Every structure is written in structure tokens, then in C-alpha cells.
Amino acid sequence: MSSTITSPARAGINSESFAAFLDARREPAWLRGLRQQAWETFQTQTWPDRRDEEWIRTDIRLFRADQFRLPGAAPGDAVVPSPLLSVGLELGGATTSVNSVTTATHLAPALAERGVLFGGLEELVAAQGDRLRPYFERRQLNPVHDRFASLHSACWAGGTGLVVPRGVVIDKPLHAHATMTAGGTDFGRTLIVLEDGAEATFLLEDASFDPQGSGLHCGALEVVLGAGARLRLVHLQDWNKQTWHFAHQSAQLDRDASLQWTIAALGSRLAKVNQQVLLTGPGAETQVNGVLFTEDKQHLSYHTLQRHRAPHCRSDFLYKSALQDRSRTVWRGMIAVDKQAIKTDGYQRNDNLILSPLARADSIPGLEIEADDVRCTHGSTTSRIDEELIFYAQCRGLSRREAARLIVTGYFQQVFDRITIESVREALGQAIIRRVRECD
């Protein structure tokens, strides 16, 4: 279906290109209505600026939406970059997309026979619209949070959908690979639904074809876990350094559900990501691990929210950043506990390792607690690399660059050790180590 969509007639993001985008799609009326509502909201909004509290540390004045097209057709001769996370793994299913168009999908027949839905999200909506409709209409992701959220809600295309029926356990990882050509756009939406007692491992990665070509990602990721469901999710963001990356990500956990979510952010020119986990059922628990590595003039901004809406839930957020050259990271975390969420156990921590005197890390943890009888703590550290460690490593025959790589590896090891798949741990570690230069 989506592979035959033609590009809008005009470049830029405007009413004419949106009308062409909408007319080219063959979608249910309810989805078309949601898109039109979001577009109307988009037209009334302005792009965020540094007067907004959420954007005060992130400057997007150089961003020009009119330089990019809305999603259209994938190039016919595209050679997709090799994925990193799936190397050496036997997969239960895989999808590949180019510029928001799904180009390949595979699902093991045994999983299809057990009722698992997996593939391009547009194709799944066309085939299973009635089943997926509630997840779009519930608005777990706020479509009017900012202008990027409205734009995505109106113009999302491609992406991956996964629905695992009640009690089904998928023992082989599933993999989704989103890619973008020079000057391309990715408006992919990922929807992961695990019904009661289901279990799965999902690997998601983003990559650019051309290391120098510009790009725009305006995406969303939504996770819905039923009672007792268990999901292990790993997401590698490795766009090139000319790509603007804007994303809203949300997970909702029902009673006794469990989510382990690992994020590795290495790419993009500028990234602004809002990530929230909603613990809505008693006994739910989540562990979120973040690895950020920046270089040159990269700017990565992550805002995280751990919202406890039910009693006896546990959340553990750990974000670690390493910065070199003139790069910058912004992490702003919040643990929010509703009145009824007694016996909450919430923790958040952000560590920053500065590899250059020109790099900068902003860390802003926060608590909003309305319930009694809770345990909520947070911590933050920022430090330069220890010259004494460099000295001792050099005394044992290592160069300064080798010593820096060794120290950075050890610094991130706490996060890597939480990943259950050995090959994924190694792939993420190697992707970071290749970027480490001599520390100043």
C-alpha cells in the first residue's frame, strides 16, 4: 500500500502538501479525521522557542521546516545501511523502512499462526483497523503537546506495529530498521501492544544513508503493556549529524507489567525527545537506561517523566552521557507521584562524563510527590575524566586515546550490563568506542 504513494507536489510543509499527502492515502475515515484534527491544531501553533520553559536550553532557530517534504515514496534504488543490533541474531520478525515507507517485512510463520501482528504500521491499520483504532483514539501520546507532536499526528507515515495476543511469549527478538536518504524525512510511528501475560523483545534502530545529507525525523513511539506483560526494548538512534530529531515516546504499564527500556542516542545534529512511562496498574515496574554520546557540535536533549498513578509500583531511570568537542546534552527528569500511588519506589539518576573543556552537560532532576508513604530519590553527577586514570593506563603501555576508550567503556558498562542480549551489548559498546578520540 504505502510503497505506491507519490510525493506531494510542492516541497515544504504546508496546507497544499498536506492535502496532497492526505489524498494519496487509502485509510479508514476515522484515521483521516484524526489527521485533519491534528493538522488544524498544527496550523494554529508556532514553533517552540527559547521563551518556552521546556525549550530554554535547546535552540532550534536554524531549523527550517520548508526545507523538507512530507513523506512520499521510497527511492527505488536505495541500498539500506547494514543494521547493528540484529547482527548474529536469529530474529522472529523484521521490518525495514526508507523515508517512512516500509520496504520489507518478515514474520516467522509460527508467530503468525499464534495471532501475532507485526509489520509496517500503515499496512496493519489497513488490514486490522478496527483492532488498532482504540490505540490511536486513546491519545496516550498527547497530539497537541507542541507543534512537532501535532505535525507527527497529522502526517505520520511508515513505522512498525506489533500486537502480541494474551499469553503469547515470543522467544526470538523482533527488529525494526528505519533509514533515511539525504534530504529525506522520517515520520515513522511505532506501536507496540502486549496483551495480558504476553512477552517480547523488540530492537529498534535508526540510520542514515549519507553521513553528510540533511534529514528530518519527527516520530513517535507508543508502548501498551497489559497485566503481567513483559517487554525488553532497545532503541539505537544513529542518524547522521545533519539530521534534526524530534520524538515523543510513551509507555503505559498495567498491573504487574514489566518494561526494560534501553536507549542509545549517538546521532543527529539536534535531538529533542520527550519520554514518559505511565505506571497505571498496581505492581508495575520499569527500568529505563539511557546512553548518550556526543561529539562535534551535537546537541541532545532528553526530557523524561516517571508518572506513578497506582500503588506499589517501581521505576528506575539511569541516564549516562559522555561528551567531547563542543557538544552539549540536556537531561531533565521528573518523578511524579499521584495521591493514590502509595508505596511508590522511584529513582532517577543522570551521570555526565566531560571529555572536553568546551563540552557542556545540563542535568535537572525533579520530584512532584502528592502521596504519603513513598520512597523517591534522585541523583546527578558531572565530572571531567580522571587524569590519574589516564596516567596509570599510559604507564601500562596504552596511548592516551586507548586509555580514554577504556575509561569510557567502563563508564557505560553499568548500562550495558543491564542488556540481556550479549551481541546487542557488544554492538552498542563498539558503536560508542569508535567515536572516542583523545580527551583534552
Protein backbone atom coordinates (compact mmCIF):
# COMPACT_ATOMS: atom_id res chain seq x y z
CA MET A 1 0.00 0.00 0.00
CA SER A 2 2.44 2.69 1.22
CA SER A 3 5.15 1.87 -1.32
CA THR A 4 3.00 3.29 -4.13
CA ILE A 5 2.37 6.66 -2.53
CA THR A 6 3.66 9.55 -4.63
CA SER A 7 5.47 12.58 -3.27
CA PRO A 8 3.47 15.76 -2.62
CA ALA A 9 3.60 18.24 -5.47
CA ARG A 10 5.30 21.02 -3.53
CA ALA A 11 8.30 20.98 -1.27
CA GLY A 12 7.86 22.18 2.26
CA ILE A 13 5.29 21.52 4.94
CA ASN A 14 2.17 23.50 4.11
CA SER A 15 -1.54 23.10 3.50
CA GLU A 16 -1.11 22.20 -0.16
CA SER A 17 1.45 19.48 0.52
CA PHE A 18 -0.70 18.13 3.40
CA ALA A 19 -3.76 17.93 1.13
CA ALA A 20 -1.72 16.00 -1.45
CA PHE A 21 -0.33 13.76 1.29
CA LEU A 22 -3.84 13.00 2.60
CA ASP A 23 -5.38 12.42 -0.83
CA ALA A 24 -2.67 9.91 -1.73
CA ARG A 25 -3.53 7.67 1.21
CA ARG A 26 -6.09 4.88 1.37
CA GLU A 27 -7.06 4.93 5.03
CA PRO A 28 -10.17 4.50 7.19
CA ALA A 29 -12.33 7.57 7.70
CA TRP A 30 -11.63 7.62 11.44
CA LEU A 31 -7.87 7.90 10.86
CA ARG A 32 -8.33 10.57 8.23
CA GLY A 33 -10.39 12.54 10.74
CA LEU A 34 -7.68 12.29 13.40
CA ARG A 35 -5.11 13.54 10.90
CA GLN A 36 -7.24 16.52 9.91
CA GLN A 37 -7.83 17.49 13.56
CA ALA A 38 -4.10 17.37 14.25
CA TRP A 39 -3.33 19.44 11.15
CA GLU A 40 -5.81 22.12 12.21
CA THR A 41 -4.05 22.28 15.57
CA PHE A 42 -0.65 22.41 13.86
CA GLN A 43 -1.71 25.45 11.84
CA THR A 44 -2.65 27.37 15.00
CA GLN A 45 0.67 26.69 16.73
CA THR A 46 4.10 28.25 16.43
CA TRP A 47 7.44 26.50 16.53
CA PRO A 48 8.86 26.29 20.07
CA ASP A 49 11.36 28.96 21.03
CA ARG A 50 13.65 29.62 23.98
CA ARG A 51 10.98 31.57 25.83
CA ASP A 52 9.24 28.26 26.47
CA GLU A 53 10.47 26.65 29.69
CA GLU A 54 10.84 23.25 28.06
CA TRP A 55 12.98 24.69 25.24
CA ILE A 56 15.00 27.25 27.16
CA ARG A 57 18.17 25.16 26.77
CA THR A 58 17.51 23.96 23.20
CA ASP A 59 17.83 26.41 20.33
CA ILE A 60 16.10 25.46 17.05
CA ARG A 61 16.30 28.83 15.31
CA LEU A 62 18.30 27.25 12.48
CA PHE A 63 15.59 24.64 11.84
CA ARG A 64 13.64 25.32 8.64
CA ALA A 65 10.62 23.11 8.06
CA ASP A 66 10.25 24.37 4.49
CA GLN A 67 13.50 22.60 3.57
CA PHE A 68 11.80 19.21 3.90
CA ARG A 69 8.95 17.37 2.20
CA LEU A 70 6.20 15.38 3.82
CA PRO A 71 6.71 11.61 3.49
CA GLY A 72 6.27 10.29 -0.04
CA ALA A 73 7.76 7.38 -1.96
CA ALA A 74 10.94 5.49 -1.11
CA PRO A 75 13.74 5.69 -3.69
CA GLY A 76 13.69 2.60 -5.90
CA ASP A 77 17.46 2.09 -5.92
CA ALA A 78 18.09 2.58 -2.21
CA VAL A 79 20.72 0.32 -0.65
CA VAL A 80 19.78 0.11 3.01
CA PRO A 81 22.63 0.56 5.54
CA SER A 82 23.54 -2.59 7.45
CA PRO A 83 21.85 -2.81 10.85
CA LEU A 84 23.93 -3.10 14.01
CA LEU A 85 21.58 -4.54 16.62
CA SER A 86 20.50 -7.65 14.70
CA VAL A 87 23.96 -8.93 13.74
CA GLY A 88 24.33 -12.61 14.61
CA LEU A 89 20.77 -12.93 15.91
CA GLU A 90 18.02 -15.29 14.81
CA LEU A 91 15.01 -12.99 14.54
CA GLY A 92 11.34 -13.76 14.94
CA GLY A 93 10.49 -10.93 12.58
CA ALA A 94 11.96 -7.84 10.93
CA THR A 95 10.86 -4.70 9.10
CA THR A 96 12.80 -2.15 7.07
CA SER A 97 11.66 1.32 6.05
CA VAL A 98 13.16 4.05 3.86
CA ASN A 99 11.94 7.63 4.26
CA SER A 100 8.84 6.46 6.15
CA VAL A 101 7.92 3.81 3.56
CA THR A 102 8.02 0.16 4.60
CA THR A 103 10.12 -1.72 2.06
CA ALA A 104 10.43 -5.17 3.64
CA THR A 105 8.59 -7.19 6.29
CA HIS A 106 9.09 -10.69 7.66
CA LEU A 107 7.37 -12.57 10.47
CA ALA A 108 8.02 -16.18 11.41
CA PRO A 109 5.02 -18.32 10.30
CA ALA A 110 4.76 -19.89 13.76
CA LEU A 111 4.17 -16.46 15.30
CA ALA A 112 1.61 -15.50 12.68
CA GLU A 113 -0.27 -18.72 13.42
CA ARG A 114 -0.45 -17.71 17.10
CA GLY A 115 -2.10 -14.42 16.20
CA VAL A 116 0.91 -12.09 16.41
CA LEU A 117 0.55 -8.97 14.27
CA PHE A 118 3.83 -7.44 13.10
CA GLY A 119 4.85 -5.30 10.14
CA GLY A 120 4.50 -1.85 8.65
CA LEU A 121 2.01 0.10 10.76
CA GLU A 122 0.16 1.51 7.75
CA GLU A 123 -0.36 -1.98 6.34
CA LEU A 124 -1.57 -3.25 9.71
CA VAL A 125 -4.06 -0.37 10.01
CA ALA A 126 -5.38 -1.18 6.53
CA ALA A 127 -5.85 -4.86 7.44
CA GLN A 128 -6.73 -4.59 11.16
CA GLY A 129 -8.11 -1.08 11.52
CA ASP A 130 -10.88 -1.96 13.96
CA ARG A 131 -8.44 -3.72 16.27
CA LEU A 132 -5.88 -0.90 16.25
CA ARG A 133 -8.29 2.03 16.28
CA PRO A 134 -8.59 2.23 20.11
CA TYR A 135 -4.84 2.74 20.48
CA PHE A 136 -4.93 5.78 18.19
CA GLU A 137 -8.04 7.29 19.75
CA ARG A 138 -6.95 6.92 23.37
CA ARG A 139 -4.29 9.62 22.83
CA GLN A 140 -1.73 8.20 25.20
CA LEU A 141 0.68 10.41 23.26
CA ASN A 142 -0.60 13.97 23.50
CA PRO A 143 -1.05 15.16 19.88
CA VAL A 144 -1.04 18.83 20.93
CA HIS A 145 1.94 18.80 23.30
CA ASP A 146 3.86 21.01 20.88
CA ARG A 147 3.97 21.74 17.16
CA PHE A 148 6.16 18.71 16.45
CA ALA A 149 3.63 16.42 18.14
CA SER A 150 0.79 17.90 16.10
CA LEU A 151 2.79 17.61 12.88
CA HIS A 152 3.53 13.96 13.56
CA SER A 153 -0.07 13.16 14.47
CA ALA A 154 -1.24 14.69 11.20
CA CYS A 155 1.46 13.33 8.89
CA TRP A 156 2.86 10.14 10.40
CA ALA A 157 3.79 7.53 7.83
CA GLY A 158 5.52 4.18 7.89
CA GLY A 159 6.77 2.86 11.18
CA THR A 160 6.18 -0.53 12.74
CA GLY A 161 3.31 -2.16 14.58
CA LEU A 162 3.41 -5.12 16.95
CA VAL A 163 0.47 -6.74 18.73
CA VAL A 164 1.13 -9.84 20.82
CA PRO A 165 -2.03 -11.68 21.94
CA ARG A 166 -2.76 -12.64 25.51
CA GLY A 167 -0.32 -15.17 26.97
CA VAL A 168 1.91 -15.45 23.88
CA VAL A 169 5.65 -15.47 24.59
CA ILE A 170 7.98 -14.55 21.70
CA ASP A 171 11.38 -16.06 22.43
CA LYS A 172 13.23 -14.55 19.45
CA PRO A 173 13.84 -10.80 19.11
CA LEU A 174 11.92 -8.66 16.64
CA HIS A 175 13.79 -5.96 14.74
CA ALA A 176 12.73 -2.71 13.05
CA HIS A 177 15.19 -0.71 10.97
CA ALA A 178 14.24 2.86 10.00
CA THR A 179 16.50 4.51 7.42
CA MET A 180 16.64 7.87 5.68
CA THR A 181 18.27 9.15 2.48
CA ALA A 182 19.96 12.53 2.08
CA GLY A 183 17.34 15.26 2.27
CA GLY A 184 14.75 12.70 3.37
CA THR A 185 12.18 12.68 6.14
CA ASP A 186 11.13 10.01 8.59
CA PHE A 187 7.73 10.43 10.25
CA GLY A 188 7.59 6.84 11.46
CA ARG A 189 5.27 5.75 14.25
CA THR A 190 6.00 2.66 16.31
CA LEU A 191 3.14 0.99 18.18
CA ILE A 192 3.89 -1.95 20.50
CA VAL A 193 0.98 -3.68 22.25
CA LEU A 194 1.47 -6.67 24.53
CA GLU A 195 -1.78 -8.06 25.88
CA ASP A 196 -2.09 -9.67 29.33
CA GLY A 197 0.74 -12.10 30.09
CA ALA A 198 2.50 -11.61 26.75
CA GLU A 199 6.27 -11.29 26.43
CA ALA A 200 8.61 -10.00 23.70
CA THR A 201 11.97 -8.42 22.90
CA PHE A 202 11.98 -5.56 20.39
CA LEU A 203 15.07 -3.99 18.77
CA LEU A 204 14.59 -0.64 17.04
CA GLU A 205 17.30 1.32 15.24
CA ASP A 206 17.56 4.45 13.10
CA ALA A 207 20.26 5.05 10.48
CA SER A 208 21.11 7.48 7.66
CA PHE A 209 22.33 6.53 4.18
CA ASP A 210 24.61 9.55 3.71
CA PRO A 211 26.78 10.84 6.60
CA GLN A 212 26.52 14.39 5.22
CA GLY A 213 22.95 14.62 3.90
CA SER A 214 20.35 16.63 5.80
CA GLY A 215 17.28 14.93 7.24
CA LEU A 216 14.24 15.36 9.48
CA HIS A 217 12.84 12.80 11.87
CA CYS A 218 9.55 13.69 13.52
CA GLY A 219 8.44 10.46 15.15
CA ALA A 220 6.60 8.74 17.94
CA LEU A 221 6.85 5.52 19.91
CA GLU A 222 3.96 4.12 21.93
CA VAL A 223 4.05 1.06 24.18
CA VAL A 224 0.98 -0.50 25.82
CA LEU A 225 1.54 -3.38 28.24
CA GLY A 226 -1.34 -5.40 29.65
CA ALA A 227 -1.44 -7.07 33.06
CA GLY A 228 1.64 -9.20 33.67
CA ALA A 229 3.15 -8.43 30.24
CA ARG A 230 6.94 -8.18 29.88
CA LEU A 231 8.81 -6.19 27.23
CA ARG A 232 12.53 -5.69 26.64
CA LEU A 233 13.01 -2.74 24.30
CA VAL A 234 16.31 -1.47 22.88
CA HIS A 235 16.40 1.66 20.69
CA LEU A 236 19.52 2.88 18.89
CA GLN A 237 19.29 6.41 17.43
CA ASP A 238 22.17 6.74 14.97
CA TRP A 239 21.06 9.37 12.45
CA ASN A 240 23.85 11.37 10.83
CA LYS A 241 24.98 14.72 12.25
CA GLN A 242 22.88 16.75 9.81
CA THR A 243 19.55 15.27 10.93
CA TRP A 244 17.01 17.06 13.11
CA HIS A 245 15.48 14.53 15.52
CA PHE A 246 12.20 15.27 17.31
CA ALA A 247 10.27 12.49 19.06
CA HIS A 248 7.58 11.80 21.62
CA GLN A 249 7.73 8.42 23.34
CA SER A 250 5.34 6.90 25.84
CA ALA A 251 4.79 3.60 27.63
CA GLN A 252 1.79 2.60 29.75
CA LEU A 253 2.00 -0.36 32.14
CA ASP A 254 -0.96 -2.19 33.65
CA ARG A 255 -0.96 -4.34 36.79
CA ASP A 256 2.31 -6.26 37.39
CA ALA A 257 3.63 -5.40 33.92
CA SER A 258 7.38 -5.05 33.42
CA LEU A 259 9.33 -2.88 30.96
CA GLN A 260 13.08 -2.70 30.44
CA TRP A 261 13.79 0.13 28.01
CA THR A 262 17.31 0.95 26.82
CA ILE A 263 18.05 4.00 24.68
CA ALA A 264 21.36 4.70 22.95
CA ALA A 265 21.50 8.16 21.37
CA LEU A 266 24.60 8.69 19.25
CA GLY A 267 23.41 10.55 16.17
CA SER A 268 21.58 13.68 14.95
CA ARG A 269 22.54 17.32 14.72
CA LEU A 270 19.98 18.23 17.36
CA ALA A 271 17.64 15.92 19.23
CA LYS A 272 14.69 16.84 21.43
CA VAL A 273 12.95 13.79 22.88
CA ASN A 274 10.11 13.60 25.40
CA GLN A 275 9.94 10.19 27.06
CA GLN A 276 7.33 9.17 29.62
CA VAL A 277 6.42 5.96 31.42
CA LEU A 278 2.95 5.77 32.97
CA LEU A 279 2.55 3.18 35.72
CA THR A 280 -1.23 2.78 35.84
CA GLY A 281 -1.62 -0.68 37.39
CA PRO A 282 -0.56 -1.81 40.88
CA GLY A 283 2.74 -3.67 40.98
CA ALA A 284 4.01 -2.40 37.61
CA GLU A 285 7.73 -1.79 37.31
CA THR A 286 10.08 -0.23 34.77
CA GLN A 287 13.79 0.14 34.28
CA VAL A 288 14.88 2.77 31.75
CA ASN A 289 18.53 3.03 30.73
CA GLY A 290 19.93 5.82 28.59
CA VAL A 291 23.33 6.11 26.91
CA LEU A 292 24.16 9.43 25.24
CA PHE A 293 27.45 10.06 23.43
CA THR A 294 28.01 13.39 21.71
CA GLU A 295 30.78 14.96 19.64
CA ASP A 296 31.48 17.97 17.40
CA LYS A 297 28.57 20.40 17.92
CA GLN A 298 25.82 17.87 18.59
CA HIS A 299 23.00 18.82 20.95
CA LEU A 300 20.91 16.07 22.56
CA SER A 301 18.03 16.99 24.87
CA TYR A 302 16.01 14.32 26.70
CA HIS A 303 13.08 15.08 28.99
CA THR A 304 11.89 12.07 30.97
CA LEU A 305 8.81 11.52 33.13
CA GLN A 306 8.12 8.68 35.53
CA ARG A 307 4.44 9.04 36.45
CA HIS A 308 3.13 6.77 39.21
CA ARG A 309 -0.65 6.53 39.10
CA ALA A 310 -1.12 3.30 41.06
CA PRO A 311 0.23 1.94 44.36
CA HIS A 312 3.14 -0.48 44.83
CA CYS A 313 4.92 0.45 41.59
CA ARG A 314 8.64 0.80 40.96
CA SER A 315 10.57 2.91 38.45
CA ASP A 316 14.33 3.15 37.94
CA PHE A 317 15.78 5.62 35.41
CA LEU A 318 19.52 5.77 34.71
CA TYR A 319 20.90 8.11 32.04
CA LYS A 320 24.65 8.35 31.39
CA SER A 321 26.24 10.84 28.98
CA ALA A 322 29.76 11.28 27.66
CA LEU A 323 30.60 14.45 25.75
CA GLN A 324 33.54 15.53 23.64
CA ASP A 325 34.42 18.56 21.48
CA ARG A 326 31.79 21.35 21.67
CA SER A 327 28.79 19.11 22.14
CA ARG A 328 26.01 19.54 24.68
CA THR A 329 23.44 17.37 26.42
CA VAL A 330 20.35 18.37 28.37
CA TRP A 331 18.60 15.89 30.62
CA ARG A 332 15.53 16.91 32.57
CA GLY A 333 13.87 14.20 34.64
CA MET A 334 10.74 14.17 36.75
CA ILE A 335 9.24 11.61 39.12
CA ALA A 336 5.54 12.42 39.55
CA VAL A 337 3.51 10.51 42.15
CA ASP A 338 -0.29 10.83 42.25
CA LYS A 339 -2.19 10.87 45.55
CA GLN A 340 -3.34 7.27 45.32
CA ALA A 341 0.12 5.90 44.41
CA ILE A 342 1.22 4.87 47.90
CA LYS A 343 4.20 2.54 48.39
CA THR A 344 5.88 4.03 45.31
CA ASP A 345 9.57 3.31 44.81
CA GLY A 346 11.01 5.79 42.30
CA TYR A 347 14.63 6.51 41.43
CA GLN A 348 16.34 8.59 38.77
CA ARG A 349 20.00 9.31 38.12
CA ASN A 350 21.96 11.20 35.50
CA ASP A 351 25.76 10.98 35.20
CA ASN A 352 27.85 13.05 32.81
CA LEU A 353 31.46 12.48 31.77
CA ILE A 354 33.07 15.55 30.19
CA LEU A 355 35.85 14.71 27.72
CA SER A 356 36.49 18.28 26.53
CA PRO A 357 36.60 21.65 28.34
CA LEU A 358 34.23 23.05 25.68
CA ALA A 359 31.51 20.44 26.19
CA ARG A 360 28.52 21.15 28.41
CA ALA A 361 26.01 18.96 30.25
CA ASP A 362 22.84 20.29 31.88
CA SER A 363 21.15 18.00 34.41
CA ILE A 364 17.83 18.91 36.04
CA PRO A 365 16.21 16.17 38.15
CA GLY A 366 12.88 16.81 39.86
CA LEU A 367 10.19 15.36 42.13
CA GLU A 368 6.44 16.02 42.33
CA ILE A 369 5.01 13.89 45.14
CA GLU A 370 1.37 14.03 46.25
CA ALA A 371 1.21 10.70 48.10
CA ASP A 372 2.39 9.64 51.55
CA ASP A 373 4.45 6.57 52.31
CA VAL A 374 6.69 6.64 49.23
CA ARG A 375 10.41 6.40 48.55
CA CYS A 376 11.61 8.67 45.75
CA THR A 377 15.22 9.73 45.25
CA HIS A 378 17.32 11.28 42.52
CA GLY A 379 20.96 11.98 41.84
CA SER A 380 23.18 13.73 39.33
CA THR A 381 26.94 13.90 38.77
CA THR A 382 29.11 15.77 36.27
CA SER A 383 32.87 15.40 36.13
CA ARG A 384 35.93 15.52 33.90
CA ILE A 385 37.78 12.35 33.02
CA ASP A 386 40.25 11.44 35.79
CA GLU A 387 43.79 12.30 34.67
CA GLU A 388 45.17 9.85 37.20
CA LEU A 389 43.36 7.02 35.44
CA ILE A 390 44.79 8.20 32.12
CA PHE A 391 48.28 8.29 33.65
CA TYR A 392 48.10 4.75 35.05
CA ALA A 393 46.75 3.37 31.76
CA GLN A 394 49.59 5.05 29.83
CA CYS A 395 52.09 3.60 32.29
CA ARG A 396 50.88 0.18 31.15
CA GLY A 397 51.61 0.89 27.50
CA LEU A 398 48.31 2.37 26.30
CA SER A 399 48.11 5.55 24.24
CA ARG A 400 46.05 8.46 25.55
CA ARG A 401 43.27 7.61 23.09
CA GLU A 402 43.30 3.94 24.10
CA ALA A 403 43.15 4.97 27.75
CA ALA A 404 40.19 7.26 27.07
CA ARG A 405 38.36 4.48 25.25
CA LEU A 406 38.95 2.09 28.13
CA ILE A 407 37.63 4.59 30.67
CA VAL A 408 34.54 5.45 28.60
CA THR A 409 33.79 1.75 28.16
CA GLY A 410 33.94 1.21 31.90
CA TYR A 411 31.80 4.29 32.48
CA PHE A 412 28.96 2.92 30.33
CA GLN A 413 29.34 -0.68 31.48
CA GLN A 414 26.70 -0.26 34.19
CA VAL A 415 24.11 0.32 31.47
CA PHE A 416 25.44 -2.33 29.08
CA ASP A 417 25.30 -4.96 31.81
CA ARG A 418 21.54 -4.46 32.05
CA ILE A 419 21.01 -5.54 28.42
CA THR A 420 20.20 -9.25 28.30
CA ILE A 421 21.40 -9.93 24.72
CA GLU A 422 25.20 -10.19 24.54
CA SER A 423 25.51 -9.27 20.85
CA VAL A 424 23.44 -6.12 21.40
CA ARG A 425 25.66 -5.13 24.33
CA GLU A 426 28.74 -5.55 22.14
CA ALA A 427 27.24 -3.67 19.18
CA LEU A 428 26.34 -0.64 21.29
CA GLY A 429 29.72 -0.66 23.00
CA GLN A 430 31.62 -0.78 19.73
CA ALA A 431 29.47 1.96 18.21
CA ILE A 432 30.49 4.28 21.04
CA ILE A 433 34.14 3.28 21.25
CA ARG A 434 34.70 4.04 17.58
CA ARG A 435 33.76 7.65 18.28
CA VAL A 436 36.06 8.26 21.25
CA ARG A 437 39.08 10.42 20.49
CA GLU A 438 41.79 11.65 22.82
CA CYS A 439 40.30 13.54 25.75
CA ASP A 440 41.53 17.10 26.30
